[in-house]
Amino acid sequence: MNRTRTVKRIISCMITLALTAFFLHKISSVFVPKDTIDCKCQNELFYSLPKNSVEVIIYGSSHAYRGINPRELYEKYGIGSFNSAWNWQKIDTTRMFIEDSFDYQKPRVILIEAFNAGEVKENADPGSEIFTSKYIRNDRSRREYLRNAFGTNFKSYVGYYFPVLILHDNWSSLTKEDFGELEISDSFRSRMGFIYTDGVTRLEIPDYKTFQQYALSDDAKYQLDKIVSLCNKNGVKIVFFTNPYSGEYNYHDAMTKYAEENGCAYLDLFERYDEVGFDGEADFSDSGHLNMYGANKTADYLGAFLKENYELTDFRQIKDNLWQRSFYGESYE
């Protein structure tokens, strides 16, 4: 009898622990940093696209997600693109997003903004960049990314899977929207992942010839090699690019060499600043990012390069195409 009672207690404890973990996991979703919510909208929007419908996908940090406008690519060149760049993407973060997106789309060309191409995320605590990985569906890519970011730091894993345990101060800032269903506005849908501002900050962009140059780390090369291998396997061409900003970009030489050695293109828009037609008086929203006017100029320049060098569909010639519908707030379904 005592043995039976002990077994029942053990089972009861296991069920209680399982239910507690399940509850913590569910409630923790509302404690994920608020500045990742637009990333969640971006990913869910991407997953809602018809399978294998996008020919160009854009990746990279905020220098890309605020720096190249898919609508301009479509309206001027008929290029069907989606902007999958987001804040803080180091090159291993970018690789994770690429691997995930290839499960749903088979693009002909990908654009990788190279601001963080020389860095990987490692030895990190859970933070906004890390939490963006929650919004992708490729579990294998996420697990490898987290191993690289957290190493053997058990506390970081606990904080990632149960953010309520480390971000409990967020109680004071919760609103009813945090508990509701995710809504993607027609305006957000029409931008195909692009975030923009019309604000203007006047900047003087430094001469790229004066920038100190660094070598790519071995870890960064490993991640880049994985991306190149995946793209070669899928017949996808890679174009690296760098948008200008008020600071120094230190990997021009390294990225030029890497691209040449691996059959990729690299366009440094610091170097092509005048050719693109950037205006420091009008094209920047802050010291690090282009505004809508600058993002359209990047799209114009890269769009011309893409049309000249790769075989891409002119979706403007296809009636009721995905980009035309999205710009008028119509559903993809």
C-alpha atoms as a PDB file:
ATOM      1  CA  MET A   1       0.000   0.000   0.000  1.00  0.00           C
ATOM      2  CA  ASN A   2       2.816   2.411   0.948  1.00  0.00           C
ATOM      3  CA  ARG A   3       4.603   1.627  -2.310  1.00  0.00           C
ATOM      4  CA  THR A   4       1.465   2.390  -4.300  1.00  0.00           C
ATOM      5  CA  ARG A   5       1.048   5.670  -2.430  1.00  0.00           C
ATOM      6  CA  THR A   6       4.678   6.612  -3.159  1.00  0.00           C
ATOM      7  CA  VAL A   7       4.261   5.910  -6.879  1.00  0.00           C
ATOM      8  CA  LYS A   8       1.118   8.048  -6.941  1.00  0.00           C
ATOM      9  CA  ARG A   9       2.939  10.895  -5.237  1.00  0.00           C
ATOM     10  CA  ILE A  10       5.804  10.701  -7.715  1.00  0.00           C
ATOM     11  CA  ILE A  11       3.388  10.725 -10.644  1.00  0.00           C
ATOM     12  CA  SER A  12       1.479  13.629  -9.089  1.00  0.00           C
ATOM     13  CA  CYS A  13       4.694  15.608  -8.652  1.00  0.00           C
ATOM     14  CA  MET A  14       5.742  14.917 -12.245  1.00  0.00           C
ATOM     15  CA  ILE A  15       2.374  16.069 -13.560  1.00  0.00           C
ATOM     16  CA  THR A  16       2.525  19.199 -11.396  1.00  0.00           C
ATOM     17  CA  LEU A  17       6.025  20.015 -12.622  1.00  0.00           C
ATOM     18  CA  ALA A  18       4.999  19.433 -16.238  1.00  0.00           C
ATOM     19  CA  LEU A  19       1.932  21.661 -15.899  1.00  0.00           C
ATOM     20  CA  THR A  20       3.985  24.359 -14.160  1.00  0.00           C
ATOM     21  CA  ALA A  21       6.602  24.301 -16.920  1.00  0.00           C
ATOM     22  CA  PHE A  22       3.861  24.428 -19.574  1.00  0.00           C
ATOM     23  CA  PHE A  23       2.211  27.412 -17.835  1.00  0.00           C
ATOM     24  CA  LEU A  24       5.531  29.270 -17.468  1.00  0.00           C
ATOM     25  CA  HIS A  25       6.335  28.637 -21.115  1.00  0.00           C
ATOM     26  CA  LYS A  26       2.951  29.971 -22.265  1.00  0.00           C
ATOM     27  CA  ILE A  27       2.870  33.024 -20.008  1.00  0.00           C
ATOM     28  CA  SER A  28       6.491  33.792 -20.853  1.00  0.00           C
ATOM     29  CA  SER A  29       5.522  34.692 -24.416  1.00  0.00           C
ATOM     30  CA  VAL A  30       4.116  38.013 -23.209  1.00  0.00           C
ATOM     31  CA  PHE A  31       7.448  38.886 -21.549  1.00  0.00           C
ATOM     32  CA  VAL A  32       9.532  38.648 -24.713  1.00  0.00           C
ATOM     33  CA  PRO A  33      11.049  42.130 -25.346  1.00  0.00           C
ATOM     34  CA  LYS A  34       8.518  44.444 -26.978  1.00  0.00           C
ATOM     35  CA  ASP A  35      11.033  45.645 -29.541  1.00  0.00           C
ATOM     36  CA  THR A  36      10.891  42.209 -31.180  1.00  0.00           C
ATOM     37  CA  ILE A  37       7.137  42.292 -31.887  1.00  0.00           C
ATOM     38  CA  ASP A  38       7.558  43.821 -35.345  1.00  0.00           C
ATOM     39  CA  CYS A  39      10.040  41.029 -36.094  1.00  0.00           C
ATOM     40  CA  LYS A  40       7.330  38.534 -35.174  1.00  0.00           C
ATOM     41  CA  CYS A  41       4.930  40.328 -37.546  1.00  0.00           C
ATOM     42  CA  GLN A  42       7.604  40.261 -40.243  1.00  0.00           C
ATOM     43  CA  ASN A  43       8.149  36.519 -39.896  1.00  0.00           C
ATOM     44  CA  GLU A  44       4.456  35.654 -39.770  1.00  0.00           C
ATOM     45  CA  LEU A  45       3.946  37.801 -42.865  1.00  0.00           C
ATOM     46  CA  PHE A  46       6.757  35.909 -44.585  1.00  0.00           C
ATOM     47  CA  TYR A  47       5.201  32.551 -43.694  1.00  0.00           C
ATOM     48  CA  SER A  48       1.876  33.710 -45.132  1.00  0.00           C
ATOM     49  CA  LEU A  49       3.360  34.208 -48.599  1.00  0.00           C
ATOM     50  CA  PRO A  50       2.597  31.547 -51.207  1.00  0.00           C
ATOM     51  CA  LYS A  51       5.340  28.931 -51.237  1.00  0.00           C
ATOM     52  CA  ASN A  52       8.219  29.650 -53.646  1.00  0.00           C
ATOM     53  CA  SER A  53       6.737  32.979 -54.739  1.00  0.00           C
ATOM     54  CA  VAL A  54       9.636  35.348 -53.893  1.00  0.00           C
ATOM     55  CA  GLU A  55      12.677  35.710 -56.169  1.00  0.00           C
ATOM     56  CA  VAL A  56      14.804  38.063 -54.025  1.00  0.00           C
ATOM     57  CA  ILE A  57      15.130  38.024 -50.214  1.00  0.00           C
ATOM     58  CA  ILE A  58      17.003  40.655 -48.190  1.00  0.00           C
ATOM     59  CA  TYR A  59      18.856  39.823 -44.954  1.00  0.00           C
ATOM     60  CA  GLY A  60      21.036  41.691 -42.487  1.00  0.00           C
ATOM     61  CA  SER A  61      20.819  44.189 -39.650  1.00  0.00           C
ATOM     62  CA  SER A  62      18.704  47.336 -39.286  1.00  0.00           C
ATOM     63  CA  HIS A  63      20.934  48.909 -41.946  1.00  0.00           C
ATOM     64  CA  ALA A  64      19.025  46.657 -44.348  1.00  0.00           C
ATOM     65  CA  TYR A  65      15.539  46.389 -42.866  1.00  0.00           C
ATOM     66  CA  ARG A  66      15.425  50.193 -42.757  1.00  0.00           C
ATOM     67  CA  GLY A  67      17.654  50.555 -45.792  1.00  0.00           C
ATOM     68  CA  ILE A  68      16.102  48.923 -48.861  1.00  0.00           C
ATOM     69  CA  ASN A  69      12.494  49.202 -49.953  1.00  0.00           C
ATOM     70  CA  PRO A  70      10.915  46.147 -51.688  1.00  0.00           C
ATOM     71  CA  ARG A  71       8.110  48.300 -53.057  1.00  0.00           C
ATOM     72  CA  GLU A  72      10.625  50.440 -54.957  1.00  0.00           C
ATOM     73  CA  LEU A  73      12.255  47.272 -56.342  1.00  0.00           C
ATOM     74  CA  TYR A  74       8.854  46.163 -57.634  1.00  0.00           C
ATOM     75  CA  GLU A  75       7.567  49.458 -58.983  1.00  0.00           C
ATOM     76  CA  LYS A  76      10.790  50.407 -60.787  1.00  0.00           C
ATOM     77  CA  TYR A  77      12.078  46.986 -61.901  1.00  0.00           C
ATOM     78  CA  GLY A  78       9.271  44.481 -61.329  1.00  0.00           C
ATOM     79  CA  ILE A  79      11.447  42.574 -58.828  1.00  0.00           C
ATOM     80  CA  GLY A  80       9.477  40.401 -56.401  1.00  0.00           C
ATOM     81  CA  SER A  81      11.308  40.723 -53.072  1.00  0.00           C
ATOM     82  CA  PHE A  82      10.840  40.472 -49.318  1.00  0.00           C
ATOM     83  CA  ASN A  83      12.880  42.215 -46.617  1.00  0.00           C
ATOM     84  CA  SER A  84      13.839  39.650 -43.934  1.00  0.00           C
ATOM     85  CA  ALA A  85      16.494  41.840 -42.318  1.00  0.00           C
ATOM     86  CA  TRP A  86      16.130  42.840 -38.690  1.00  0.00           C
ATOM     87  CA  ASN A  87      17.826  44.641 -35.810  1.00  0.00           C
ATOM     88  CA  TRP A  88      21.131  43.288 -34.529  1.00  0.00           C
ATOM     89  CA  GLN A  89      21.615  40.456 -37.022  1.00  0.00           C
ATOM     90  CA  LYS A  90      25.155  39.170 -36.663  1.00  0.00           C
ATOM     91  CA  ILE A  91      26.211  36.822 -39.448  1.00  0.00           C
ATOM     92  CA  ASP A  92      25.186  33.664 -37.540  1.00  0.00           C
ATOM     93  CA  THR A  93      21.781  35.246 -36.887  1.00  0.00           C
ATOM     94  CA  THR A  94      21.528  35.964 -40.601  1.00  0.00           C
ATOM     95  CA  ARG A  95      22.459  32.373 -41.426  1.00  0.00           C
ATOM     96  CA  MET A  96      19.679  31.113 -39.143  1.00  0.00           C
ATOM     97  CA  PHE A  97      17.116  33.335 -40.892  1.00  0.00           C
ATOM     98  CA  ILE A  98      18.357  32.227 -44.321  1.00  0.00           C
ATOM     99  CA  GLU A  99      18.111  28.525 -43.470  1.00  0.00           C
ATOM    100  CA  ASP A 100      14.619  29.016 -42.096  1.00  0.00           C
ATOM    101  CA  SER A 101      13.380  31.011 -45.083  1.00  0.00           C
ATOM    102  CA  PHE A 102      14.693  28.439 -47.573  1.00  0.00           C
ATOM    103  CA  ASP A 103      12.161  25.993 -46.110  1.00  0.00           C
ATOM    104  CA  TYR A 104       9.423  28.210 -47.581  1.00  0.00           C
ATOM    105  CA  GLN A 105      10.955  30.085 -50.502  1.00  0.00           C
ATOM    106  CA  LYS A 106      13.491  29.248 -53.205  1.00  0.00           C
ATOM    107  CA  PRO A 107      14.780  32.677 -54.259  1.00  0.00           C
ATOM    108  CA  ARG A 108      17.008  33.220 -57.259  1.00  0.00           C
ATOM    109  CA  VAL A 109      19.103  35.864 -55.486  1.00  0.00           C
ATOM    110  CA  ILE A 110      19.600  36.878 -51.867  1.00  0.00           C
ATOM    111  CA  LEU A 111      20.935  40.245 -50.717  1.00  0.00           C
ATOM    112  CA  ILE A 112      22.989  40.186 -47.505  1.00  0.00           C
ATOM    113  CA  GLU A 113      23.776  43.532 -45.915  1.00  0.00           C
ATOM    114  CA  ALA A 114      27.304  43.163 -44.534  1.00  0.00           C
ATOM    115  CA  PHE A 115      27.338  45.568 -41.550  1.00  0.00           C
ATOM    116  CA  ASN A 116      27.745  42.643 -39.108  1.00  0.00           C
ATOM    117  CA  ALA A 117      29.289  40.111 -41.501  1.00  0.00           C
ATOM    118  CA  GLY A 118      32.467  40.042 -39.442  1.00  0.00           C
ATOM    119  CA  GLU A 119      30.764  39.221 -36.128  1.00  0.00           C
ATOM    120  CA  VAL A 120      28.920  36.299 -34.562  1.00  0.00           C
ATOM    121  CA  LYS A 121      26.731  36.217 -31.458  1.00  0.00           C
ATOM    122  CA  GLU A 122      28.485  34.286 -28.702  1.00  0.00           C
ATOM    123  CA  ASN A 123      28.739  34.126 -24.899  1.00  0.00           C
ATOM    124  CA  ALA A 124      25.516  36.126 -24.664  1.00  0.00           C
ATOM    125  CA  ASP A 125      22.712  36.537 -22.176  1.00  0.00           C
ATOM    126  CA  PRO A 126      19.148  36.437 -23.481  1.00  0.00           C
ATOM    127  CA  GLY A 127      18.405  39.765 -25.139  1.00  0.00           C
ATOM    128  CA  SER A 128      16.379  41.253 -27.939  1.00  0.00           C
ATOM    129  CA  GLU A 129      18.594  39.847 -30.700  1.00  0.00           C
ATOM    130  CA  ILE A 130      18.433  36.352 -29.216  1.00  0.00           C
ATOM    131  CA  PHE A 131      14.665  36.471 -28.767  1.00  0.00           C
ATOM    132  CA  THR A 132      14.095  37.140 -32.485  1.00  0.00           C
ATOM    133  CA  SER A 133      15.034  33.483 -33.018  1.00  0.00           C
ATOM    134  CA  LYS A 134      11.749  32.516 -31.325  1.00  0.00           C
ATOM    135  CA  TYR A 135       9.904  33.672 -34.418  1.00  0.00           C
ATOM    136  CA  ILE A 136      11.460  31.236 -36.863  1.00  0.00           C
ATOM    137  CA  ARG A 137      10.136  27.712 -37.376  1.00  0.00           C
ATOM    138  CA  ASN A 138      13.333  25.828 -38.216  1.00  0.00           C
ATOM    139  CA  ASP A 139      14.119  24.168 -34.870  1.00  0.00           C
ATOM    140  CA  ARG A 140      17.463  22.750 -36.012  1.00  0.00           C
ATOM    141  CA  SER A 141      18.772  26.164 -37.078  1.00  0.00           C
ATOM    142  CA  ARG A 142      17.541  27.720 -33.836  1.00  0.00           C
ATOM    143  CA  ARG A 143      19.209  25.073 -31.665  1.00  0.00           C
ATOM    144  CA  GLU A 144      22.562  25.508 -33.401  1.00  0.00           C
ATOM    145  CA  TYR A 145      22.279  29.290 -33.113  1.00  0.00           C
ATOM    146  CA  LEU A 146      21.518  29.090 -29.394  1.00  0.00           C
ATOM    147  CA  ARG A 147      24.449  26.717 -28.809  1.00  0.00           C
ATOM    148  CA  ASN A 148      26.711  29.291 -30.423  1.00  0.00           C
ATOM    149  CA  ALA A 149      25.151  32.202 -28.535  1.00  0.00           C
ATOM    150  CA  PHE A 150      24.895  30.619 -25.083  1.00  0.00           C
ATOM    151  CA  GLY A 151      27.549  27.902 -25.045  1.00  0.00           C
ATOM    152  CA  THR A 152      27.097  25.936 -21.809  1.00  0.00           C
ATOM    153  CA  ASN A 153      25.454  28.773 -19.854  1.00  0.00           C
ATOM    154  CA  PHE A 154      22.426  26.938 -18.439  1.00  0.00           C
ATOM    155  CA  LYS A 155      20.986  30.129 -16.932  1.00  0.00           C
ATOM    156  CA  SER A 156      20.783  31.728 -20.379  1.00  0.00           C
ATOM    157  CA  TYR A 157      18.841  28.746 -21.748  1.00  0.00           C
ATOM    158  CA  VAL A 158      16.391  28.940 -18.836  1.00  0.00           C
ATOM    159  CA  GLY A 159      15.914  32.668 -19.440  1.00  0.00           C
ATOM    160  CA  TYR A 160      15.351  32.084 -23.139  1.00  0.00           C
ATOM    161  CA  TYR A 161      12.679  29.406 -22.739  1.00  0.00           C
ATOM    162  CA  PHE A 162      11.105  30.982 -19.629  1.00  0.00           C
ATOM    163  CA  PRO A 163      11.640  34.758 -19.997  1.00  0.00           C
ATOM    164  CA  VAL A 164       9.123  35.414 -17.199  1.00  0.00           C
ATOM    165  CA  LEU A 165      11.887  34.269 -14.830  1.00  0.00           C
ATOM    166  CA  ILE A 166      14.364  36.931 -15.984  1.00  0.00           C
ATOM    167  CA  LEU A 167      12.132  39.663 -17.407  1.00  0.00           C
ATOM    168  CA  HIS A 168       9.558  39.755 -14.625  1.00  0.00           C
ATOM    169  CA  ASP A 169       9.984  43.542 -14.313  1.00  0.00           C
ATOM    170  CA  ASN A 170       7.951  43.757 -17.521  1.00  0.00           C
ATOM    171  CA  TRP A 171       4.799  43.266 -15.449  1.00  0.00           C
ATOM    172  CA  SER A 172       4.511  47.037 -15.083  1.00  0.00           C
ATOM    173  CA  SER A 173       4.550  47.643 -18.841  1.00  0.00           C
ATOM    174  CA  LEU A 174       2.160  44.919 -19.986  1.00  0.00           C
ATOM    175  CA  THR A 175      -0.961  45.977 -21.872  1.00  0.00           C
ATOM    176  CA  LYS A 176      -3.989  44.036 -23.056  1.00  0.00           C
ATOM    177  CA  GLU A 177      -2.440  43.890 -26.534  1.00  0.00           C
ATOM    178  CA  ASP A 178       0.302  41.660 -25.109  1.00  0.00           C
ATOM    179  CA  PHE A 179      -2.307  38.960 -24.446  1.00  0.00           C
ATOM    180  CA  GLY A 180      -4.156  39.308 -27.750  1.00  0.00           C
ATOM    181  CA  GLU A 181      -3.716  37.760 -31.165  1.00  0.00           C
ATOM    182  CA  LEU A 182      -0.984  39.099 -33.418  1.00  0.00           C
ATOM    183  CA  GLU A 183      -2.385  41.478 -36.020  1.00  0.00           C
ATOM    184  CA  ILE A 184      -0.530  42.422 -39.199  1.00  0.00           C
ATOM    185  CA  SER A 185      -1.769  45.717 -40.600  1.00  0.00           C
ATOM    186  CA  ASP A 186      -2.375  46.317 -44.291  1.00  0.00           C
ATOM    187  CA  SER A 187       0.309  49.003 -44.161  1.00  0.00           C
ATOM    188  CA  PHE A 188       2.880  46.565 -42.763  1.00  0.00           C
ATOM    189  CA  ARG A 189       1.813  43.932 -45.297  1.00  0.00           C
ATOM    190  CA  SER A 190       2.291  46.350 -48.179  1.00  0.00           C
ATOM    191  CA  ARG A 191       5.915  47.033 -47.177  1.00  0.00           C
ATOM    192  CA  MET A 192       6.959  43.377 -47.434  1.00  0.00           C
ATOM    193  CA  GLY A 193       9.000  43.429 -44.217  1.00  0.00           C
ATOM    194  CA  PHE A 194      10.481  46.904 -44.700  1.00  0.00           C
ATOM    195  CA  ILE A 195      10.404  49.410 -41.816  1.00  0.00           C
ATOM    196  CA  TYR A 196      10.936  53.059 -42.646  1.00  0.00           C
ATOM    197  CA  THR A 197      10.837  56.631 -41.406  1.00  0.00           C
ATOM    198  CA  ASP A 198      10.410  59.919 -43.237  1.00  0.00           C
ATOM    199  CA  GLY A 199      12.467  61.758 -40.603  1.00  0.00           C
ATOM    200  CA  VAL A 200      15.639  63.534 -41.701  1.00  0.00           C
ATOM    201  CA  THR A 201      18.963  63.863 -39.875  1.00  0.00           C
ATOM    202  CA  ARG A 202      21.659  65.801 -41.704  1.00  0.00           C
ATOM    203  CA  LEU A 203      24.920  63.872 -41.809  1.00  0.00           C
ATOM    204  CA  GLU A 204      28.402  64.126 -43.230  1.00  0.00           C
ATOM    205  CA  ILE A 205      29.401  60.648 -44.378  1.00  0.00           C
ATOM    206  CA  PRO A 206      33.140  59.952 -43.907  1.00  0.00           C
ATOM    207  CA  ASP A 207      35.505  58.998 -46.723  1.00  0.00           C
ATOM    208  CA  TYR A 208      35.578  55.198 -46.957  1.00  0.00           C
ATOM    209  CA  LYS A 209      39.249  55.320 -47.988  1.00  0.00           C
ATOM    210  CA  THR A 210      40.178  56.376 -44.443  1.00  0.00           C
ATOM    211  CA  PHE A 211      38.496  53.427 -42.686  1.00  0.00           C
ATOM    212  CA  GLN A 212      40.685  51.029 -40.723  1.00  0.00           C
ATOM    213  CA  GLN A 213      40.352  47.507 -42.109  1.00  0.00           C
ATOM    214  CA  TYR A 214      39.931  44.269 -40.138  1.00  0.00           C
ATOM    215  CA  ALA A 215      40.098  40.626 -41.130  1.00  0.00           C
ATOM    216  CA  LEU A 216      37.031  38.426 -40.815  1.00  0.00           C
ATOM    217  CA  SER A 217      37.183  36.190 -37.765  1.00  0.00           C
ATOM    218  CA  ASP A 218      37.382  32.426 -38.254  1.00  0.00           C
ATOM    219  CA  ASP A 219      33.900  32.098 -36.733  1.00  0.00           C
ATOM    220  CA  ALA A 220      32.503  34.671 -39.173  1.00  0.00           C
ATOM    221  CA  LYS A 221      34.146  32.871 -42.122  1.00  0.00           C
ATOM    222  CA  TYR A 222      32.634  29.598 -40.931  1.00  0.00           C
ATOM    223  CA  GLN A 223      29.156  31.132 -40.946  1.00  0.00           C
ATOM    224  CA  LEU A 224      29.683  32.767 -44.319  1.00  0.00           C
ATOM    225  CA  ASP A 225      30.954  29.489 -45.772  1.00  0.00           C
ATOM    226  CA  LYS A 226      27.820  27.730 -44.506  1.00  0.00           C
ATOM    227  CA  ILE A 227      25.643  30.357 -46.197  1.00  0.00           C
ATOM    228  CA  VAL A 228      27.557  30.073 -49.468  1.00  0.00           C
ATOM    229  CA  SER A 229      27.352  26.264 -49.376  1.00  0.00           C
ATOM    230  CA  LEU A 230      23.592  26.347 -48.753  1.00  0.00           C
ATOM    231  CA  CYS A 231      23.049  28.811 -51.575  1.00  0.00           C
ATOM    232  CA  ASN A 232      25.219  26.836 -54.012  1.00  0.00           C
ATOM    233  CA  LYS A 233      23.240  23.712 -53.151  1.00  0.00           C
ATOM    234  CA  ASN A 234      19.983  25.526 -53.936  1.00  0.00           C
ATOM    235  CA  GLY A 235      21.207  27.425 -56.988  1.00  0.00           C
ATOM    236  CA  VAL A 236      20.856  30.803 -55.251  1.00  0.00           C
ATOM    237  CA  LYS A 237      23.147  33.736 -56.075  1.00  0.00           C
ATOM    238  CA  ILE A 238      24.472  35.989 -53.299  1.00  0.00           C
ATOM    239  CA  VAL A 239      24.939  39.749 -53.421  1.00  0.00           C
ATOM    240  CA  PHE A 240      26.581  41.309 -50.366  1.00  0.00           C
ATOM    241  CA  PHE A 241      26.147  45.048 -49.904  1.00  0.00           C
ATOM    242  CA  THR A 242      26.904  47.769 -47.349  1.00  0.00           C
ATOM    243  CA  ASN A 243      24.705  50.821 -46.802  1.00  0.00           C
ATOM    244  CA  PRO A 244      26.443  54.042 -45.752  1.00  0.00           C
ATOM    245  CA  TYR A 245      26.150  55.562 -42.278  1.00  0.00           C
ATOM    246  CA  SER A 246      28.089  58.098 -40.214  1.00  0.00           C
ATOM    247  CA  GLY A 247      30.581  55.627 -38.727  1.00  0.00           C
ATOM    248  CA  GLU A 248      33.406  53.522 -40.131  1.00  0.00           C
ATOM    249  CA  TYR A 249      32.873  50.241 -41.947  1.00  0.00           C
ATOM    250  CA  ASN A 250      35.901  48.061 -41.288  1.00  0.00           C
ATOM    251  CA  TYR A 251      35.360  45.027 -43.548  1.00  0.00           C
ATOM    252  CA  HIS A 252      35.403  46.486 -47.067  1.00  0.00           C
ATOM    253  CA  ASP A 253      38.657  44.774 -48.033  1.00  0.00           C
ATOM    254  CA  ALA A 254      37.757  41.505 -46.306  1.00  0.00           C
ATOM    255  CA  MET A 255      34.293  41.328 -47.899  1.00  0.00           C
ATOM    256  CA  THR A 256      35.651  42.251 -51.322  1.00  0.00           C
ATOM    257  CA  LYS A 257      38.173  39.414 -51.097  1.00  0.00           C
ATOM    258  CA  TYR A 258      35.652  36.941 -49.680  1.00  0.00           C
ATOM    259  CA  ALA A 259      33.102  37.692 -52.403  1.00  0.00           C
ATOM    260  CA  GLU A 260      35.701  37.313 -55.179  1.00  0.00           C
ATOM    261  CA  GLU A 261      36.947  33.994 -53.784  1.00  0.00           C
ATOM    262  CA  ASN A 262      33.439  32.557 -53.457  1.00  0.00           C
ATOM    263  CA  GLY A 263      31.751  33.698 -56.661  1.00  0.00           C
ATOM    264  CA  CYS A 264      29.565  36.329 -54.978  1.00  0.00           C
ATOM    265  CA  ALA A 265      29.039  40.005 -55.690  1.00  0.00           C
ATOM    266  CA  TYR A 266      29.842  42.739 -53.179  1.00  0.00           C
ATOM    267  CA  LEU A 267      28.635  46.320 -53.518  1.00  0.00           C
ATOM    268  CA  ASP A 268      29.946  48.759 -50.918  1.00  0.00           C
ATOM    269  CA  LEU A 269      27.674  51.800 -51.146  1.00  0.00           C
ATOM    270  CA  PHE A 270      30.164  53.863 -49.154  1.00  0.00           C
ATOM    271  CA  GLU A 271      32.421  53.446 -52.184  1.00  0.00           C
ATOM    272  CA  ARG A 272      29.530  54.123 -54.578  1.00  0.00           C
ATOM    273  CA  TYR A 273      28.015  56.949 -52.527  1.00  0.00           C
ATOM    274  CA  ASP A 274      28.046  59.547 -55.314  1.00  0.00           C
ATOM    275  CA  GLU A 275      27.121  57.005 -57.981  1.00  0.00           C
ATOM    276  CA  VAL A 276      23.997  56.014 -56.031  1.00  0.00           C
ATOM    277  CA  GLY A 277      23.163  59.683 -55.513  1.00  0.00           C
ATOM    278  CA  PHE A 278      22.952  59.744 -51.712  1.00  0.00           C
ATOM    279  CA  ASP A 279      22.460  63.138 -50.118  1.00  0.00           C
ATOM    280  CA  GLY A 280      23.655  63.654 -46.534  1.00  0.00           C
ATOM    281  CA  GLU A 281      21.189  66.519 -46.210  1.00  0.00           C
ATOM    282  CA  ALA A 282      18.116  64.436 -47.002  1.00  0.00           C
ATOM    283  CA  ASP A 283      18.595  60.639 -47.029  1.00  0.00           C
ATOM    284  CA  PHE A 284      19.277  59.658 -43.391  1.00  0.00           C
ATOM    285  CA  SER A 285      16.915  59.230 -40.456  1.00  0.00           C
ATOM    286  CA  ASP A 286      19.694  59.115 -37.838  1.00  0.00           C
ATOM    287  CA  SER A 287      23.436  58.532 -37.625  1.00  0.00           C
ATOM    288  CA  GLY A 288      23.140  54.867 -38.570  1.00  0.00           C
ATOM    289  CA  HIS A 289      20.188  54.492 -40.898  1.00  0.00           C
ATOM    290  CA  LEU A 290      18.696  55.640 -44.162  1.00  0.00           C
ATOM    291  CA  ASN A 291      15.187  57.074 -44.282  1.00  0.00           C
ATOM    292  CA  MET A 292      12.591  56.267 -46.946  1.00  0.00           C
ATOM    293  CA  TYR A 293      14.306  58.518 -49.514  1.00  0.00           C
ATOM    294  CA  GLY A 294      17.680  56.876 -48.956  1.00  0.00           C
ATOM    295  CA  ALA A 295      16.161  53.366 -48.864  1.00  0.00           C
ATOM    296  CA  ASN A 296      14.578  54.022 -52.252  1.00  0.00           C
ATOM    297  CA  LYS A 297      17.957  55.066 -53.654  1.00  0.00           C
ATOM    298  CA  THR A 298      19.537  51.838 -52.384  1.00  0.00           C
ATOM    299  CA  ALA A 299      16.676  49.883 -53.971  1.00  0.00           C
ATOM    300  CA  ASP A 300      17.093  51.779 -57.256  1.00  0.00           C
ATOM    301  CA  TYR A 301      20.810  51.062 -57.407  1.00  0.00           C
ATOM    302  CA  LEU A 302      20.680  47.415 -56.332  1.00  0.00           C
ATOM    303  CA  GLY A 303      17.597  46.819 -58.476  1.00  0.00           C
ATOM    304  CA  ALA A 304      19.449  47.992 -61.603  1.00  0.00           C
ATOM    305  CA  PHE A 305      22.373  45.708 -60.686  1.00  0.00           C
ATOM    306  CA  LEU A 306      20.061  42.720 -60.179  1.00  0.00           C
ATOM    307  CA  LYS A 307      18.187  43.216 -63.460  1.00  0.00           C
ATOM    308  CA  GLU A 308      21.446  43.566 -65.380  1.00  0.00           C
ATOM    309  CA  ASN A 309      23.187  40.535 -63.893  1.00  0.00           C
ATOM    310  CA  TYR A 310      20.491  37.971 -63.050  1.00  0.00           C
ATOM    311  CA  GLU A 311      17.457  36.480 -64.719  1.00  0.00           C
ATOM    312  CA  LEU A 312      14.501  37.782 -62.748  1.00  0.00           C
ATOM    313  CA  THR A 313      10.807  37.891 -63.515  1.00  0.00           C
ATOM    314  CA  ASP A 314       9.194  41.260 -64.196  1.00  0.00           C
ATOM    315  CA  PHE A 315       6.173  40.745 -61.964  1.00  0.00           C
ATOM    316  CA  ARG A 316       4.597  43.964 -63.258  1.00  0.00           C
ATOM    317  CA  GLN A 317       3.757  42.003 -66.379  1.00  0.00           C
ATOM    318  CA  ILE A 318       1.776  39.441 -64.360  1.00  0.00           C
ATOM    319  CA  LYS A 319      -1.784  40.495 -63.645  1.00  0.00           C
ATOM    320  CA  ASP A 320      -2.904  40.442 -59.995  1.00  0.00           C
ATOM    321  CA  ASN A 321       0.583  39.487 -58.789  1.00  0.00           C
ATOM    322  CA  LEU A 322       1.518  39.153 -55.133  1.00  0.00           C
ATOM    323  CA  TRP A 323       3.186  42.573 -54.841  1.00  0.00           C
ATOM    324  CA  GLN A 324       0.393  44.414 -56.602  1.00  0.00           C
ATOM    325  CA  ARG A 325      -2.174  42.824 -54.295  1.00  0.00           C
ATOM    326  CA  SER A 326      -0.181  43.466 -51.145  1.00  0.00           C
ATOM    327  CA  PHE A 327       0.185  47.152 -51.944  1.00  0.00           C
ATOM    328  CA  TYR A 328      -3.595  47.489 -51.979  1.00  0.00           C
ATOM    329  CA  GLY A 329      -4.097  45.685 -48.688  1.00  0.00           C
ATOM    330  CA  GLU A 330      -5.507  42.507 -50.193  1.00  0.00           C
ATOM    331  CA  SER A 331      -4.955  39.121 -48.579  1.00  0.00           C
ATOM    332  CA  TYR A 332      -2.418  36.582 -49.819  1.00  0.00           C
ATOM    333  CA  GLU A 333      -4.785  33.757 -48.986  1.00  0.00           C
END
